[in-house]
C-alpha cells in the first residue's frame, strides 16, 4: 500500500470513528426529532412518490430511523427492500413492517424468507452513512458493501440517496477509486442534490 493510500485510509477511519461516537451520544429524543425531520423531507421528493421499488435499510447504532417512510412507500404501492449480507456483497430483499426478521451480519435486522429483488429494478437506494462531504463523497461502515453492489451496475444503477444527521457533513473526504458517490443526501436540516436530474 502506498503512503498516500495509507494516509487516506487513516483519515477515513478517524472520520468514521468520530462520527460513530457523535451518533452514539444522541439521546432518543434527538434521534426521534431527526427521523421526523428527515421523513418530512423525503415525503416531498417527487421521485420517491412515484417510485416502483426503493431500497431502504433498518437503522442500527444511532443511524437515522427511516421505518416510517418505508411503511408509507409500501402503503402507496411501492416495493421496499432492505439489504442482506451474502458473502462480500449485498442482496436486497423485500421488507414489510410485520414481516419476521432475524439478526444478520453486524447485528442488522434482515427479513426471513423474503426473495431478493435485482438492484437494477430499483428506482432509488436510501443508504445510511457515517459521513459525507459537499461533493457527495460518502463514508460507510467500512466494509464497502454498497460500493461493490452498486459499482457492478455501472450506468444502470439506481439513484443513491444518503440519509444522515446534518452534523455528519465534513469538509472533505479522501476518495478511494472504488467509491460510489451520492446522488443526493437528506439530513434533518436539508436536501442536497449532487447530481442534477436525480430527484
C-alpha atoms as a PDB file:
ATOM      1  CA  UNK A   1       0.000   0.000   0.000  1.00  0.00           C
ATOM      2  CA  UNK A   2       1.359   3.426  -0.947  1.00  0.00           C
ATOM      3  CA  UNK A   3       1.892   6.171   1.604  1.00  0.00           C
ATOM      4  CA  UNK A   4      -0.957   8.204   0.066  1.00  0.00           C
ATOM      5  CA  UNK A   5      -3.366   5.261   0.225  1.00  0.00           C
ATOM      6  CA  UNK A   6      -2.439   4.566   3.835  1.00  0.00           C
ATOM      7  CA  UNK A   7      -2.972   8.219   4.736  1.00  0.00           C
ATOM      8  CA  UNK A   8      -6.388   8.250   3.015  1.00  0.00           C
ATOM      9  CA  UNK A   9      -7.498   5.193   4.942  1.00  0.00           C
ATOM     10  CA  UNK A  10      -6.248   6.623   8.218  1.00  0.00           C
ATOM     11  CA  UNK A  11      -8.173   9.871   7.687  1.00  0.00           C
ATOM     12  CA  UNK A  12     -11.310   7.987   6.686  1.00  0.00           C
ATOM     13  CA  UNK A  13     -11.083   5.785   9.772  1.00  0.00           C
ATOM     14  CA  UNK A  14     -10.630   8.837  12.019  1.00  0.00           C
ATOM     15  CA  UNK A  15     -13.730  10.472  10.497  1.00  0.00           C
ATOM     16  CA  UNK A  16     -15.689   7.224  10.820  1.00  0.00           C
ATOM     17  CA  UNK A  17     -14.766   6.838  14.487  1.00  0.00           C
ATOM     18  CA  UNK A  18     -15.572  10.472  15.316  1.00  0.00           C
ATOM     19  CA  UNK A  19     -18.989  10.303  13.669  1.00  0.00           C
ATOM     20  CA  UNK A  20     -19.867   6.961  15.245  1.00  0.00           C
ATOM     21  CA  UNK A  21     -19.147   8.464  18.651  1.00  0.00           C
ATOM     22  CA  UNK A  22     -21.254  11.561  17.941  1.00  0.00           C
ATOM     23  CA  UNK A  23     -24.115   9.428  16.680  1.00  0.00           C
ATOM     24  CA  UNK A  24     -23.909   7.113  19.695  1.00  0.00           C
ATOM     25  CA  UNK A  25     -24.145  10.110  22.029  1.00  0.00           C
ATOM     26  CA  UNK A  26     -27.578  11.160  20.732  1.00  0.00           C
ATOM     27  CA  UNK A  27     -30.443  10.619  23.140  1.00  0.00           C
ATOM     28  CA  UNK A  28     -33.702   9.070  21.972  1.00  0.00           C
ATOM     29  CA  UNK A  29     -35.486  12.432  21.764  1.00  0.00           C
ATOM     30  CA  UNK A  30     -32.836  13.852  19.423  1.00  0.00           C
ATOM     31  CA  UNK A  31     -32.967  10.722  17.281  1.00  0.00           C
ATOM     32  CA  UNK A  32     -36.769  10.909  17.064  1.00  0.00           C
ATOM     33  CA  UNK A  33     -36.753  14.593  16.093  1.00  0.00           C
ATOM     34  CA  UNK A  34     -34.161  13.950  13.401  1.00  0.00           C
ATOM     35  CA  UNK A  35     -36.112  10.998  12.000  1.00  0.00           C
ATOM     36  CA  UNK A  36     -39.276  13.125  11.822  1.00  0.00           C
ATOM     37  CA  UNK A  37     -37.411  15.935  10.047  1.00  0.00           C
ATOM     38  CA  UNK A  38     -35.872  13.526   7.525  1.00  0.00           C
ATOM     39  CA  UNK A  39     -39.287  11.923   6.948  1.00  0.00           C
ATOM     40  CA  UNK A  40     -40.848  15.313   6.163  1.00  0.00           C
ATOM     41  CA  UNK A  41     -38.165  15.992   3.541  1.00  0.00           C
ATOM     42  CA  UNK A  42     -38.355  12.542   1.969  1.00  0.00           C
ATOM     43  CA  UNK A  43     -42.136  12.921   1.651  1.00  0.00           C
ATOM     44  CA  UNK A  44     -41.619  15.932  -0.631  1.00  0.00           C
ATOM     45  CA  UNK A  45     -39.296  14.181  -3.090  1.00  0.00           C
ATOM     46  CA  UNK A  46     -41.315  13.585  -6.236  1.00  0.00           C
ATOM     47  CA  UNK A  47     -39.195  10.689  -7.454  1.00  0.00           C
ATOM     48  CA  UNK A  48     -39.955   8.734  -4.274  1.00  0.00           C
ATOM     49  CA  UNK A  49     -43.673   9.447  -4.648  1.00  0.00           C
ATOM     50  CA  UNK A  50     -43.716   7.668  -7.997  1.00  0.00           C
ATOM     51  CA  UNK A  51     -41.034   5.021  -7.385  1.00  0.00           C
ATOM     52  CA  UNK A  52     -41.961   1.397  -8.059  1.00  0.00           C
ATOM     53  CA  UNK A  53     -39.141  -0.040  -5.943  1.00  0.00           C
ATOM     54  CA  UNK A  54     -36.970   1.556  -3.256  1.00  0.00           C
ATOM     55  CA  UNK A  55     -34.170   0.016  -1.225  1.00  0.00           C
ATOM     56  CA  UNK A  56     -34.007   1.201   2.358  1.00  0.00           C
ATOM     57  CA  UNK A  57     -32.281  -0.010   5.494  1.00  0.00           C
ATOM     58  CA  UNK A  58     -33.013  -0.899   9.116  1.00  0.00           C
ATOM     59  CA  UNK A  59     -31.326   1.635  11.354  1.00  0.00           C
ATOM     60  CA  UNK A  60     -28.843   0.415  13.964  1.00  0.00           C
ATOM     61  CA  UNK A  61     -26.370   2.111  16.314  1.00  0.00           C
ATOM     62  CA  UNK A  62     -27.936   5.540  16.071  1.00  0.00           C
ATOM     63  CA  UNK A  63     -28.499   5.668  12.293  1.00  0.00           C
ATOM     64  CA  UNK A  64     -31.482   7.780  11.268  1.00  0.00           C
ATOM     65  CA  UNK A  65     -34.558   5.567  11.565  1.00  0.00           C
ATOM     66  CA  UNK A  66     -36.466   5.509   8.252  1.00  0.00           C
ATOM     67  CA  UNK A  67     -39.003   2.761   9.031  1.00  0.00           C
ATOM     68  CA  UNK A  68     -41.895   5.239   8.752  1.00  0.00           C
ATOM     69  CA  UNK A  69     -41.042   6.402   5.218  1.00  0.00           C
ATOM     70  CA  UNK A  70     -40.564   2.767   4.157  1.00  0.00           C
ATOM     71  CA  UNK A  71     -44.016   1.939   5.538  1.00  0.00           C
ATOM     72  CA  UNK A  72     -45.531   4.895   3.695  1.00  0.00           C
ATOM     73  CA  UNK A  73     -43.884   3.861   0.437  1.00  0.00           C
ATOM     74  CA  UNK A  74     -45.379   0.382   0.831  1.00  0.00           C
ATOM     75  CA  UNK A  75     -48.790   1.887   1.566  1.00  0.00           C
ATOM     76  CA  UNK A  76     -48.529   3.791  -1.744  1.00  0.00           C
ATOM     77  CA  UNK A  77     -47.876   0.544  -3.593  1.00  0.00           C
ATOM     78  CA  UNK A  78     -44.087   0.576  -3.895  1.00  0.00           C
ATOM     79  CA  UNK A  79     -41.954  -2.485  -3.290  1.00  0.00           C
ATOM     80  CA  UNK A  80     -39.492  -1.811  -0.466  1.00  0.00           C
ATOM     81  CA  UNK A  81     -36.361  -3.849   0.102  1.00  0.00           C
ATOM     82  CA  UNK A  82     -33.612  -3.840   2.723  1.00  0.00           C
ATOM     83  CA  UNK A  83     -30.080  -5.235   2.429  1.00  0.00           C
ATOM     84  CA  UNK A  84     -28.992  -8.705   3.416  1.00  0.00           C
ATOM     85  CA  UNK A  85     -25.289  -9.556   3.519  1.00  0.00           C
ATOM     86  CA  UNK A  86     -24.322 -12.527   1.363  1.00  0.00           C
ATOM     87  CA  UNK A  87     -20.598 -13.188   1.343  1.00  0.00           C
ATOM     88  CA  UNK A  88     -18.910  -9.909   0.460  1.00  0.00           C
ATOM     89  CA  UNK A  89     -21.879  -8.225  -1.198  1.00  0.00           C
ATOM     90  CA  UNK A  90     -25.469  -7.194  -0.534  1.00  0.00           C
ATOM     91  CA  UNK A  91     -28.704  -8.545  -1.897  1.00  0.00           C
ATOM     92  CA  UNK A  92     -31.884  -6.559  -1.423  1.00  0.00           C
ATOM     93  CA  UNK A  93     -34.888  -8.460  -0.100  1.00  0.00           C
ATOM     94  CA  UNK A  94     -38.493  -7.351   0.241  1.00  0.00           C
ATOM     95  CA  UNK A  95     -39.420  -5.854   3.609  1.00  0.00           C
ATOM     96  CA  UNK A  96     -42.844  -5.484   5.199  1.00  0.00           C
ATOM     97  CA  UNK A  97     -43.379  -3.883   8.638  1.00  0.00           C
ATOM     98  CA  UNK A  98     -44.975  -7.013  10.090  1.00  0.00           C
ATOM     99  CA  UNK A  99     -42.562  -9.489   8.498  1.00  0.00           C
ATOM    100  CA  UNK A 100     -40.436 -11.733  10.695  1.00  0.00           C
ATOM    101  CA  UNK A 101     -36.777 -10.774  10.865  1.00  0.00           C
ATOM    102  CA  UNK A 102     -33.553 -12.121  12.292  1.00  0.00           C
ATOM    103  CA  UNK A 103     -30.282 -10.516  13.315  1.00  0.00           C
ATOM    104  CA  UNK A 104     -27.996 -10.787  10.326  1.00  0.00           C
ATOM    105  CA  UNK A 105     -24.433  -9.655   9.738  1.00  0.00           C
ATOM    106  CA  UNK A 106     -23.266  -6.880  12.085  1.00  0.00           C
ATOM    107  CA  UNK A 107     -26.471  -7.244  14.140  1.00  0.00           C
ATOM    108  CA  UNK A 108     -28.648  -5.676  11.433  1.00  0.00           C
ATOM    109  CA  UNK A 109     -32.254  -6.970  11.206  1.00  0.00           C
ATOM    110  CA  UNK A 110     -32.892  -8.919   7.996  1.00  0.00           C
ATOM    111  CA  UNK A 111     -36.243 -10.274   6.747  1.00  0.00           C
ATOM    112  CA  UNK A 112     -36.720 -14.023   6.980  1.00  0.00           C
ATOM    113  CA  UNK A 113     -37.702 -15.921   3.850  1.00  0.00           C
ATOM    114  CA  UNK A 114     -38.009 -12.911   1.535  1.00  0.00           C
ATOM    115  CA  UNK A 115     -36.933 -13.104  -2.089  1.00  0.00           C
ATOM    116  CA  UNK A 116     -34.167 -10.881  -3.429  1.00  0.00           C
ATOM    117  CA  UNK A 117     -35.001  -8.182  -5.989  1.00  0.00           C
ATOM    118  CA  UNK A 118     -32.390  -7.246  -8.591  1.00  0.00           C
ATOM    119  CA  UNK A 119     -30.819  -3.938  -7.621  1.00  0.00           C
ATOM    120  CA  UNK A 120     -31.287  -2.750 -11.218  1.00  0.00           C
ATOM    121  CA  UNK A 121     -35.055  -2.929 -10.696  1.00  0.00           C
ATOM    122  CA  UNK A 122     -34.912  -0.242  -8.002  1.00  0.00           C
ATOM    123  CA  UNK A 123     -35.532   3.451  -8.603  1.00  0.00           C
ATOM    124  CA  UNK A 124     -33.575   4.581  -5.553  1.00  0.00           C
ATOM    125  CA  UNK A 125     -31.402   3.360  -2.709  1.00  0.00           C
ATOM    126  CA  UNK A 126     -31.761   5.128   0.640  1.00  0.00           C
ATOM    127  CA  UNK A 127     -28.404   4.423   2.262  1.00  0.00           C
ATOM    128  CA  UNK A 128     -27.064   5.048   5.748  1.00  0.00           C
ATOM    129  CA  UNK A 129     -23.618   6.574   6.143  1.00  0.00           C
ATOM    130  CA  UNK A 130     -21.149   7.711   8.753  1.00  0.00           C
ATOM    131  CA  UNK A 131     -20.024  10.890   6.939  1.00  0.00           C
ATOM    132  CA  UNK A 132     -20.392  12.817   3.685  1.00  0.00           C
ATOM    133  CA  UNK A 133     -18.931  15.969   2.161  1.00  0.00           C
ATOM    134  CA  UNK A 134     -20.134  18.789  -0.079  1.00  0.00           C
ATOM    135  CA  UNK A 135     -19.139  16.906  -3.251  1.00  0.00           C
ATOM    136  CA  UNK A 136     -21.225  13.815  -2.435  1.00  0.00           C
ATOM    137  CA  UNK A 137     -18.363  11.620  -1.254  1.00  0.00           C
ATOM    138  CA  UNK A 138     -19.568   9.136   1.355  1.00  0.00           C
ATOM    139  CA  UNK A 139     -18.015   7.054   4.107  1.00  0.00           C
ATOM    140  CA  UNK A 140     -19.983   3.980   5.099  1.00  0.00           C
ATOM    141  CA  UNK A 141     -19.294   1.428   7.803  1.00  0.00           C
ATOM    142  CA  UNK A 142     -16.015   0.371   6.220  1.00  0.00           C
ATOM    143  CA  UNK A 143     -16.995  -2.907   4.577  1.00  0.00           C
ATOM    144  CA  UNK A 144     -17.522  -1.482   1.076  1.00  0.00           C
ATOM    145  CA  UNK A 145     -20.775  -3.421   0.607  1.00  0.00           C
ATOM    146  CA  UNK A 146     -22.766  -0.614  -1.023  1.00  0.00           C
ATOM    147  CA  UNK A 147     -19.852   0.391  -3.269  1.00  0.00           C
ATOM    148  CA  UNK A 148     -19.399  -3.173  -4.537  1.00  0.00           C
ATOM    149  CA  UNK A 149     -23.120  -3.768  -5.044  1.00  0.00           C
ATOM    150  CA  UNK A 150     -23.700  -0.507  -6.915  1.00  0.00           C
ATOM    151  CA  UNK A 151     -20.343  -0.475  -8.706  1.00  0.00           C
ATOM    152  CA  UNK A 152     -21.202  -3.664 -10.605  1.00  0.00           C
ATOM    153  CA  UNK A 153     -24.194  -1.962 -12.225  1.00  0.00           C
ATOM    154  CA  UNK A 154     -22.403   0.928 -13.944  1.00  0.00           C
ATOM    155  CA  UNK A 155     -24.845   3.377 -15.534  1.00  0.00           C
ATOM    156  CA  UNK A 156     -27.778   1.078 -14.711  1.00  0.00           C
ATOM    157  CA  UNK A 157     -27.565   1.767 -11.012  1.00  0.00           C
ATOM    158  CA  UNK A 158     -30.471   3.386  -9.133  1.00  0.00           C
ATOM    159  CA  UNK A 159     -30.155   6.818  -7.550  1.00  0.00           C
ATOM    160  CA  UNK A 160     -28.088   6.695  -4.355  1.00  0.00           C
ATOM    161  CA  UNK A 161     -29.599   8.936  -1.667  1.00  0.00           C
ATOM    162  CA  UNK A 162     -27.719   9.197   1.606  1.00  0.00           C
ATOM    163  CA  UNK A 163     -29.604   9.566   4.887  1.00  0.00           C
ATOM    164  CA  UNK A 164     -27.774  11.360   7.688  1.00  0.00           C
ATOM    165  CA  UNK A 165     -27.777  13.870  10.509  1.00  0.00           C
ATOM    166  CA  UNK A 166     -26.577  17.330   9.464  1.00  0.00           C
ATOM    167  CA  UNK A 167     -23.552  17.033  11.742  1.00  0.00           C
ATOM    168  CA  UNK A 168     -22.259  14.132   9.656  1.00  0.00           C
ATOM    169  CA  UNK A 169     -21.165  16.534   6.915  1.00  0.00           C
ATOM    170  CA  UNK A 170     -17.409  17.118   6.887  1.00  0.00           C
ATOM    171  CA  UNK A 171     -15.224  19.457   4.862  1.00  0.00           C
ATOM    172  CA  UNK A 172     -13.599  16.813   2.676  1.00  0.00           C
ATOM    173  CA  UNK A 173     -13.481  13.027   2.463  1.00  0.00           C
ATOM    174  CA  UNK A 174     -10.442  11.372   0.863  1.00  0.00           C
ATOM    175  CA  UNK A 175     -11.912   9.355  -2.004  1.00  0.00           C
ATOM    176  CA  UNK A 176     -10.970   5.794  -2.873  1.00  0.00           C
ATOM    177  CA  UNK A 177     -11.046   4.642  -6.532  1.00  0.00           C
ATOM    178  CA  UNK A 178     -13.967   2.272  -5.891  1.00  0.00           C
ATOM    179  CA  UNK A 179     -16.194   4.759  -4.041  1.00  0.00           C
ATOM    180  CA  UNK A 180     -19.671   5.339  -5.462  1.00  0.00           C
ATOM    181  CA  UNK A 181     -20.647   8.992  -4.890  1.00  0.00           C
ATOM    182  CA  UNK A 182     -24.014  10.034  -3.536  1.00  0.00           C
ATOM    183  CA  UNK A 183     -26.517  11.480  -5.986  1.00  0.00           C
ATOM    184  CA  UNK A 184     -28.213  13.327  -3.124  1.00  0.00           C
ATOM    185  CA  UNK A 185     -28.301  13.436   0.660  1.00  0.00           C
ATOM    186  CA  UNK A 186     -31.220  14.076   3.005  1.00  0.00           C
ATOM    187  CA  UNK A 187     -30.481  15.268   6.531  1.00  0.00           C
ATOM    188  CA  UNK A 188     -32.612  16.651   9.332  1.00  0.00           C
ATOM    189  CA  UNK A 189     -31.922  20.169   8.035  1.00  0.00           C
ATOM    190  CA  UNK A 190     -31.915  19.995   4.236  1.00  0.00           C
ATOM    191  CA  UNK A 191     -31.885  18.085   0.954  1.00  0.00           C
ATOM    192  CA  UNK A 192     -28.719  18.434  -1.153  1.00  0.00           C
ATOM    193  CA  UNK A 193     -28.592  17.185  -4.729  1.00  0.00           C
ATOM    194  CA  UNK A 194     -25.127  16.424  -6.087  1.00  0.00           C
ATOM    195  CA  UNK A 195     -26.175  15.053  -9.496  1.00  0.00           C
ATOM    196  CA  UNK A 196     -28.757  17.113 -11.328  1.00  0.00           C
ATOM    197  CA  UNK A 197     -31.836  15.279 -12.547  1.00  0.00           C
ATOM    198  CA  UNK A 198     -31.614  12.679  -9.778  1.00  0.00           C
ATOM    199  CA  UNK A 199     -34.628  13.791  -7.763  1.00  0.00           C
END
